[in-house]
Amino acid sequence: MGLVSSDPLPDWVLTRRRAIGARIRSRRLTQNLTQERLGELVAIDSKTVHRIEYAISDPPLSTVLRIAHALDLAVEDLLRDDAPARPRRGTQGDRGSTSAT
């Protein structure tokens, strides 16, 4: 009995991961940092930087905080959601209309 679900991630989660990775990559390049150098600043290897930038893996929160600090970027700017609003669970947009005729 584990706490980790084997269900695939929803598309919106993957989309957000890609957007966050793209912001990290863009900021890193703007600051003329290699993946190797960012990894050194954050205490992770360059392969892990690559996996984060290309949304292959989920970094721990502590790594996200260190990346934001190394890139002189506010965490909220790194994690901001530019996607259009999506229906919340339990709303009519999540399930069909329940009104009787």
Protein backbone atom coordinates (compact mmCIF):
# COMPACT_ATOMS: atom_id res chain seq x y z
CA MET A 1 0.00 0.00 0.00
CA GLY A 2 1.80 3.11 -1.23
CA LEU A 3 0.93 6.75 -1.47
CA VAL A 4 2.10 7.06 -5.07
CA SER A 5 -0.62 6.73 -7.69
CA SER A 6 0.07 4.76 -10.84
CA ASP A 7 -2.51 6.83 -12.74
CA PRO A 8 -1.07 8.89 -15.61
CA LEU A 9 -0.72 12.60 -15.00
CA PRO A 10 -3.45 14.84 -16.44
CA ASP A 11 -2.49 16.76 -19.58
CA TRP A 12 -2.62 20.09 -17.76
CA VAL A 13 0.07 18.92 -15.31
CA LEU A 14 2.38 17.94 -18.17
CA THR A 15 1.69 21.26 -19.89
CA ARG A 16 2.58 23.18 -16.70
CA ARG A 17 5.77 21.12 -16.22
CA ARG A 18 6.84 21.93 -19.78
CA ALA A 19 6.15 25.65 -19.27
CA ILE A 20 8.14 25.73 -16.02
CA GLY A 21 11.02 23.88 -17.67
CA ALA A 22 10.96 26.31 -20.59
CA ARG A 23 11.11 29.28 -18.18
CA ILE A 24 14.11 27.72 -16.42
CA ARG A 25 15.85 27.06 -19.74
CA SER A 26 15.11 30.57 -21.06
CA ARG A 27 16.37 32.27 -17.90
CA ARG A 28 19.47 30.04 -17.80
CA LEU A 29 20.34 30.94 -21.38
CA THR A 30 19.67 34.64 -20.77
CA GLN A 31 22.21 34.48 -17.97
CA ASN A 32 24.68 32.63 -20.21
CA LEU A 33 24.74 29.58 -17.94
CA THR A 34 25.29 26.05 -19.15
CA GLN A 35 23.25 23.20 -17.72
CA GLU A 36 26.45 22.06 -16.05
CA ARG A 37 27.01 25.45 -14.37
CA LEU A 38 23.40 25.74 -13.19
CA GLY A 39 23.71 22.23 -11.79
CA GLU A 40 26.82 23.26 -9.87
CA LEU A 41 25.02 26.29 -8.43
CA VAL A 42 22.05 24.17 -7.39
CA ALA A 43 23.99 21.04 -6.33
CA ILE A 44 22.46 18.74 -8.96
CA ASP A 45 24.05 17.20 -12.04
CA SER A 46 23.60 18.59 -15.55
CA LYS A 47 21.49 15.58 -16.58
CA THR A 48 19.00 16.47 -13.85
CA VAL A 49 18.90 20.07 -15.10
CA HIS A 50 18.13 18.70 -18.57
CA ARG A 51 15.36 16.45 -17.22
CA ILE A 52 13.77 19.38 -15.39
CA GLU A 53 14.00 21.74 -18.38
CA TYR A 54 12.40 19.17 -20.68
CA ALA A 55 9.72 18.08 -18.16
CA ILE A 56 11.05 14.54 -17.96
CA SER A 57 11.16 14.54 -14.17
CA ASP A 58 9.59 16.36 -11.23
CA PRO A 59 12.15 18.07 -9.04
CA PRO A 60 11.65 18.27 -5.28
CA LEU A 61 10.47 21.62 -3.97
CA SER A 62 13.88 22.29 -2.42
CA THR A 63 15.46 21.97 -5.88
CA VAL A 64 12.89 24.33 -7.40
CA LEU A 65 13.69 26.86 -4.68
CA ARG A 66 17.44 26.54 -5.32
CA ILE A 67 16.96 26.89 -9.09
CA ALA A 68 14.87 30.04 -8.65
CA HIS A 69 17.52 31.48 -6.31
CA ALA A 70 20.40 30.60 -8.66
CA LEU A 71 18.58 32.24 -11.57
CA ASP A 72 17.62 35.29 -9.49
CA LEU A 73 13.99 34.55 -10.25
CA ALA A 74 11.03 34.79 -7.89
CA VAL A 75 9.51 31.36 -7.30
CA GLU A 76 6.06 32.72 -8.18
CA ASP A 77 7.39 33.89 -11.56
CA LEU A 78 8.88 30.48 -12.18
CA LEU A 79 5.65 28.69 -11.27
CA ARG A 80 3.12 31.17 -12.69
CA ASP A 81 0.25 29.69 -14.65
CA ASP A 82 -0.23 31.33 -18.04
CA ALA A 83 -2.74 28.72 -19.17
CA PRO A 84 -6.44 29.52 -19.50
CA ALA A 85 -8.59 28.55 -16.51
CA ARG A 86 -9.68 24.94 -16.48
CA PRO A 87 -12.83 23.56 -14.83
CA ARG A 88 -12.40 22.63 -11.19
CA ARG A 89 -13.38 19.22 -9.88
CA GLY A 90 -17.06 18.93 -9.12
CA THR A 91 -18.07 21.84 -11.34
CA GLN A 92 -20.49 21.57 -14.18
CA GLY A 93 -17.62 21.79 -16.65
CA ASP A 94 -16.19 18.61 -15.14
CA ARG A 95 -19.38 16.58 -15.55
CA GLY A 96 -22.43 16.99 -17.71
CA SER A 97 -25.45 19.08 -16.88
CA THR A 98 -27.62 17.57 -14.16
CA SER A 99 -30.71 19.73 -14.66
CA ALA A 100 -33.97 17.92 -15.22
CA THR A 101 -36.28 18.86 -18.07
